[in-house]
Amino acid sequence: MKNQLRASVDDCLFFAGEATSPDAFTTARGPYQSGISAEDQVLASLS
């Protein structure tokens, strides 16, 4: 389920946050790491 939540839509819409974290969803680390991951996806889609 979490893989579906964090999947981008048409490399145009990206998701991050506690609900998208595969293993740290009850901590502050989870949303932070998912934000970094979404940022990486955005940058990769621009190049």
PDB file of N, CA and C in Angstrom:
ATOM      1  N   MET A   1       0.824  -1.196   0.000  1.00  0.00           N
ATOM      2  CA  MET A   1       0.000   0.000   0.000  1.00  0.00           C
ATOM      3  C   MET A   1       0.869   1.262   0.000  1.00  0.00           C
ATOM      4  N   LYS A   2       1.919   1.282   0.802  1.00  0.00           N
ATOM      5  CA  LYS A   2       2.765   2.467   0.873  1.00  0.00           C
ATOM      6  C   LYS A   2       3.492   2.721  -0.436  1.00  0.00           C
ATOM      7  N   ASN A   3       3.810   1.654  -1.179  1.00  0.00           N
ATOM      8  CA  ASN A   3       4.428   1.839  -2.494  1.00  0.00           C
ATOM      9  C   ASN A   3       3.488   2.589  -3.422  1.00  0.00           C
ATOM     10  N   GLN A   4       2.208   2.296  -3.343  1.00  0.00           N
ATOM     11  CA  GLN A   4       1.229   2.994  -4.169  1.00  0.00           C
ATOM     12  C   GLN A   4       1.102   4.451  -3.739  1.00  0.00           C
ATOM     13  N   LEU A   5       1.182   4.718  -2.456  1.00  0.00           N
ATOM     14  CA  LEU A   5       1.051   6.093  -1.966  1.00  0.00           C
ATOM     15  C   LEU A   5       2.213   6.976  -2.396  1.00  0.00           C
ATOM     16  N   ARG A   6       3.406   6.421  -2.470  1.00  0.00           N
ATOM     17  CA  ARG A   6       4.557   7.256  -2.797  1.00  0.00           C
ATOM     18  C   ARG A   6       4.910   7.263  -4.282  1.00  0.00           C
ATOM     19  N   ALA A   7       4.159   6.517  -5.087  1.00  0.00           N
ATOM     20  CA  ALA A   7       4.416   6.493  -6.528  1.00  0.00           C
ATOM     21  C   ALA A   7       4.021   7.828  -7.158  1.00  0.00           C
ATOM     22  N   SER A   8       4.857   8.310  -8.060  1.00  0.00           N
ATOM     23  CA  SER A   8       4.549   9.565  -8.744  1.00  0.00           C
ATOM     24  C   SER A   8       3.453   9.331  -9.780  1.00  0.00           C
ATOM     25  N   VAL A   9       2.816  10.409 -10.166  1.00  0.00           N
ATOM     26  CA  VAL A   9       1.781  10.360 -11.185  1.00  0.00           C
ATOM     27  C   VAL A   9       2.329  11.058 -12.427  1.00  0.00           C
ATOM     28  N   ASP A  10       2.574  10.295 -13.467  1.00  0.00           N
ATOM     29  CA  ASP A  10       3.068  10.823 -14.749  1.00  0.00           C
ATOM     30  C   ASP A  10       4.346  11.646 -14.595  1.00  0.00           C
ATOM     31  N   ASP A  11       5.201  11.307 -13.647  1.00  0.00           N
ATOM     32  CA  ASP A  11       6.431  12.074 -13.378  1.00  0.00           C
ATOM     33  C   ASP A  11       6.159  13.569 -13.282  1.00  0.00           C
ATOM     34  N   CYS A  12       5.003  13.885 -12.722  1.00  0.00           N
ATOM     35  CA  CYS A  12       4.560  15.271 -12.653  1.00  0.00           C
ATOM     36  C   CYS A  12       4.082  15.639 -11.241  1.00  0.00           C
ATOM     37  N   LEU A  13       3.527  14.675 -10.561  1.00  0.00           N
ATOM     38  CA  LEU A  13       2.990  14.869  -9.222  1.00  0.00           C
ATOM     39  C   LEU A  13       3.680  13.872  -8.298  1.00  0.00           C
ATOM     40  N   PHE A  14       4.320  14.389  -7.255  1.00  0.00           N
ATOM     41  CA  PHE A  14       5.115  13.559  -6.353  1.00  0.00           C
ATOM     42  C   PHE A  14       4.574  13.670  -4.934  1.00  0.00           C
ATOM     43  N   PHE A  15       4.669  12.584  -4.185  1.00  0.00           N
ATOM     44  CA  PHE A  15       4.112  12.541  -2.839  1.00  0.00           C
ATOM     45  C   PHE A  15       5.202  12.270  -1.810  1.00  0.00           C
ATOM     46  N   ALA A  16       5.049  12.885  -0.652  1.00  0.00           N
ATOM     47  CA  ALA A  16       5.953  12.664   0.473  1.00  0.00           C
ATOM     48  C   ALA A  16       5.144  12.816   1.754  1.00  0.00           C
ATOM     49  N   GLY A  17       5.677  12.314   2.831  1.00  0.00           N
ATOM     50  CA  GLY A  17       5.017  12.463   4.124  1.00  0.00           C
ATOM     51  C   GLY A  17       5.008  11.173   4.914  1.00  0.00           C
ATOM     52  N   GLU A  18       4.467  11.253   6.085  1.00  0.00           N
ATOM     53  CA  GLU A  18       4.479  10.122   7.010  1.00  0.00           C
ATOM     54  C   GLU A  18       3.836   8.874   6.408  1.00  0.00           C
ATOM     55  N   ALA A  19       2.738   9.039   5.700  1.00  0.00           N
ATOM     56  CA  ALA A  19       2.017   7.889   5.143  1.00  0.00           C
ATOM     57  C   ALA A  19       2.782   7.190   4.031  1.00  0.00           C
ATOM     58  N   THR A  20       3.768   7.848   3.452  1.00  0.00           N
ATOM     59  CA  THR A  20       4.523   7.244   2.349  1.00  0.00           C
ATOM     60  C   THR A  20       5.802   6.569   2.802  1.00  0.00           C
ATOM     61  N   SER A  21       6.136   6.679   4.057  1.00  0.00           N
ATOM     62  CA  SER A  21       7.361   6.078   4.581  1.00  0.00           C
ATOM     63  C   SER A  21       7.184   4.577   4.775  1.00  0.00           C
ATOM     64  N   PRO A  22       8.064   3.768   4.176  1.00  0.00           N
ATOM     65  CA  PRO A  22       7.885   2.311   4.281  1.00  0.00           C
ATOM     66  C   PRO A  22       8.199   1.726   5.654  1.00  0.00           C
ATOM     67  N   ASP A  23       9.087   2.378   6.426  1.00  0.00           N
ATOM     68  CA  ASP A  23       9.492   1.762   7.693  1.00  0.00           C
ATOM     69  C   ASP A  23       9.585   2.722   8.875  1.00  0.00           C
ATOM     70  N   ALA A  24       9.425   4.007   8.657  1.00  0.00           N
ATOM     71  CA  ALA A  24       9.551   4.976   9.757  1.00  0.00           C
ATOM     72  C   ALA A  24       8.336   5.899   9.796  1.00  0.00           C
ATOM     73  N   PHE A  25       7.167   5.326   9.615  1.00  0.00           N
ATOM     74  CA  PHE A  25       5.949   6.131   9.514  1.00  0.00           C
ATOM     75  C   PHE A  25       5.452   6.696  10.830  1.00  0.00           C
ATOM     76  N   THR A  26       5.980   6.268  11.944  1.00  0.00           N
ATOM     77  CA  THR A  26       5.537   6.810  13.237  1.00  0.00           C
ATOM     78  C   THR A  26       6.596   7.709  13.866  1.00  0.00           C
ATOM     79  N   THR A  27       7.538   8.155  13.076  1.00  0.00           N
ATOM     80  CA  THR A  27       8.619   8.992  13.593  1.00  0.00           C
ATOM     81  C   THR A  27       8.739  10.252  12.749  1.00  0.00           C
ATOM     82  N   ALA A  28       9.542  11.196  13.208  1.00  0.00           N
ATOM     83  CA  ALA A  28       9.824  12.403  12.421  1.00  0.00           C
ATOM     84  C   ALA A  28      10.774  12.075  11.273  1.00  0.00           C
ATOM     85  N   ARG A  29      11.538  11.027  11.407  1.00  0.00           N
ATOM     86  CA  ARG A  29      12.499  10.644  10.377  1.00  0.00           C
ATOM     87  C   ARG A  29      11.800  10.200   9.093  1.00  0.00           C
ATOM     88  N   GLY A  30      10.677   9.519   9.206  1.00  0.00           N
ATOM     89  CA  GLY A  30       9.961   9.004   8.041  1.00  0.00           C
ATOM     90  C   GLY A  30       9.541  10.083   7.058  1.00  0.00           C
ATOM     91  N   PRO A  31       8.831  11.114   7.511  1.00  0.00           N
ATOM     92  CA  PRO A  31       8.443  12.173   6.587  1.00  0.00           C
ATOM     93  C   PRO A  31       9.653  12.908   5.998  1.00  0.00           C
ATOM     94  N   TYR A  32      10.666  13.107   6.801  1.00  0.00           N
ATOM     95  CA  TYR A  32      11.876  13.776   6.311  1.00  0.00           C
ATOM     96  C   TYR A  32      12.514  12.962   5.185  1.00  0.00           C
ATOM     97  N   GLN A  33      12.691  11.680   5.424  1.00  0.00           N
ATOM     98  CA  GLN A  33      13.313  10.825   4.410  1.00  0.00           C
ATOM     99  C   GLN A  33      12.448  10.709   3.155  1.00  0.00           C
ATOM    100  N   SER A  34      11.144  10.661   3.323  1.00  0.00           N
ATOM    101  CA  SER A  34      10.280  10.567   2.150  1.00  0.00           C
ATOM    102  C   SER A  34      10.319  11.873   1.358  1.00  0.00           C
ATOM    103  N   GLY A  35      10.514  12.980   2.043  1.00  0.00           N
ATOM    104  CA  GLY A  35      10.671  14.264   1.350  1.00  0.00           C
ATOM    105  C   GLY A  35      11.944  14.308   0.531  1.00  0.00           C
ATOM    106  N   ILE A  36      13.019  13.790   1.085  1.00  0.00           N
ATOM    107  CA  ILE A  36      14.289  13.715   0.355  1.00  0.00           C
ATOM    108  C   ILE A  36      14.134  12.811  -0.869  1.00  0.00           C
ATOM    109  N   SER A  37      13.448  11.699  -0.691  1.00  0.00           N
ATOM    110  CA  SER A  37      13.222  10.774  -1.798  1.00  0.00           C
ATOM    111  C   SER A  37      12.380  11.426  -2.895  1.00  0.00           C
ATOM    112  N   ALA A  38      11.328  12.139  -2.513  1.00  0.00           N
ATOM    113  CA  ALA A  38      10.489  12.828  -3.497  1.00  0.00           C
ATOM    114  C   ALA A  38      11.284  13.905  -4.217  1.00  0.00           C
ATOM    115  N   GLU A  39      12.148  14.586  -3.487  1.00  0.00           N
ATOM    116  CA  GLU A  39      13.003  15.601  -4.112  1.00  0.00           C
ATOM    117  C   GLU A  39      13.910  14.961  -5.169  1.00  0.00           C
ATOM    118  N   ASP A  40      14.488  13.828  -4.843  1.00  0.00           N
ATOM    119  CA  ASP A  40      15.333  13.115  -5.798  1.00  0.00           C
ATOM    120  C   ASP A  40      14.548  12.732  -7.055  1.00  0.00           C
ATOM    121  N   GLN A  41      13.312  12.303  -6.859  1.00  0.00           N
ATOM    122  CA  GLN A  41      12.465  11.942  -8.001  1.00  0.00           C
ATOM    123  C   GLN A  41      12.150  13.155  -8.866  1.00  0.00           C
ATOM    124  N   VAL A  42      11.876  14.282  -8.236  1.00  0.00           N
ATOM    125  CA  VAL A  42      11.593  15.515  -8.985  1.00  0.00           C
ATOM    126  C   VAL A  42      12.816  15.920  -9.803  1.00  0.00           C
ATOM    127  N   LEU A  43      13.979  15.918  -9.168  1.00  0.00           N
ATOM    128  CA  LEU A  43      15.197  16.309  -9.878  1.00  0.00           C
ATOM    129  C   LEU A  43      15.506  15.349 -11.029  1.00  0.00           C
ATOM    130  N   ALA A  44      15.278  14.067 -10.817  1.00  0.00           N
ATOM    131  CA  ALA A  44      15.522  13.099 -11.884  1.00  0.00           C
ATOM    132  C   ALA A  44      14.542  13.303 -13.048  1.00  0.00           C
ATOM    133  N   SER A  45      13.337  13.705 -12.756  1.00  0.00           N
ATOM    134  CA  SER A  45      12.358  13.903 -13.822  1.00  0.00           C
ATOM    135  C   SER A  45      12.655  15.164 -14.640  1.00  0.00           C
ATOM    136  N   LEU A  46      13.415  16.089 -14.071  1.00  0.00           N
ATOM    137  CA  LEU A  46      13.749  17.322 -14.773  1.00  0.00           C
ATOM    138  C   LEU A  46      14.950  17.172 -15.681  1.00  0.00           C
ATOM    139  N   SER A  47      15.730  16.115 -15.460  1.00  0.00           N
ATOM    140  CA  SER A  47      16.933  15.968 -16.299  1.00  0.00           C
ATOM    141  C   SER A  47      16.759  14.945 -17.394  1.00  0.00           C
TER     142      SER A  47
END
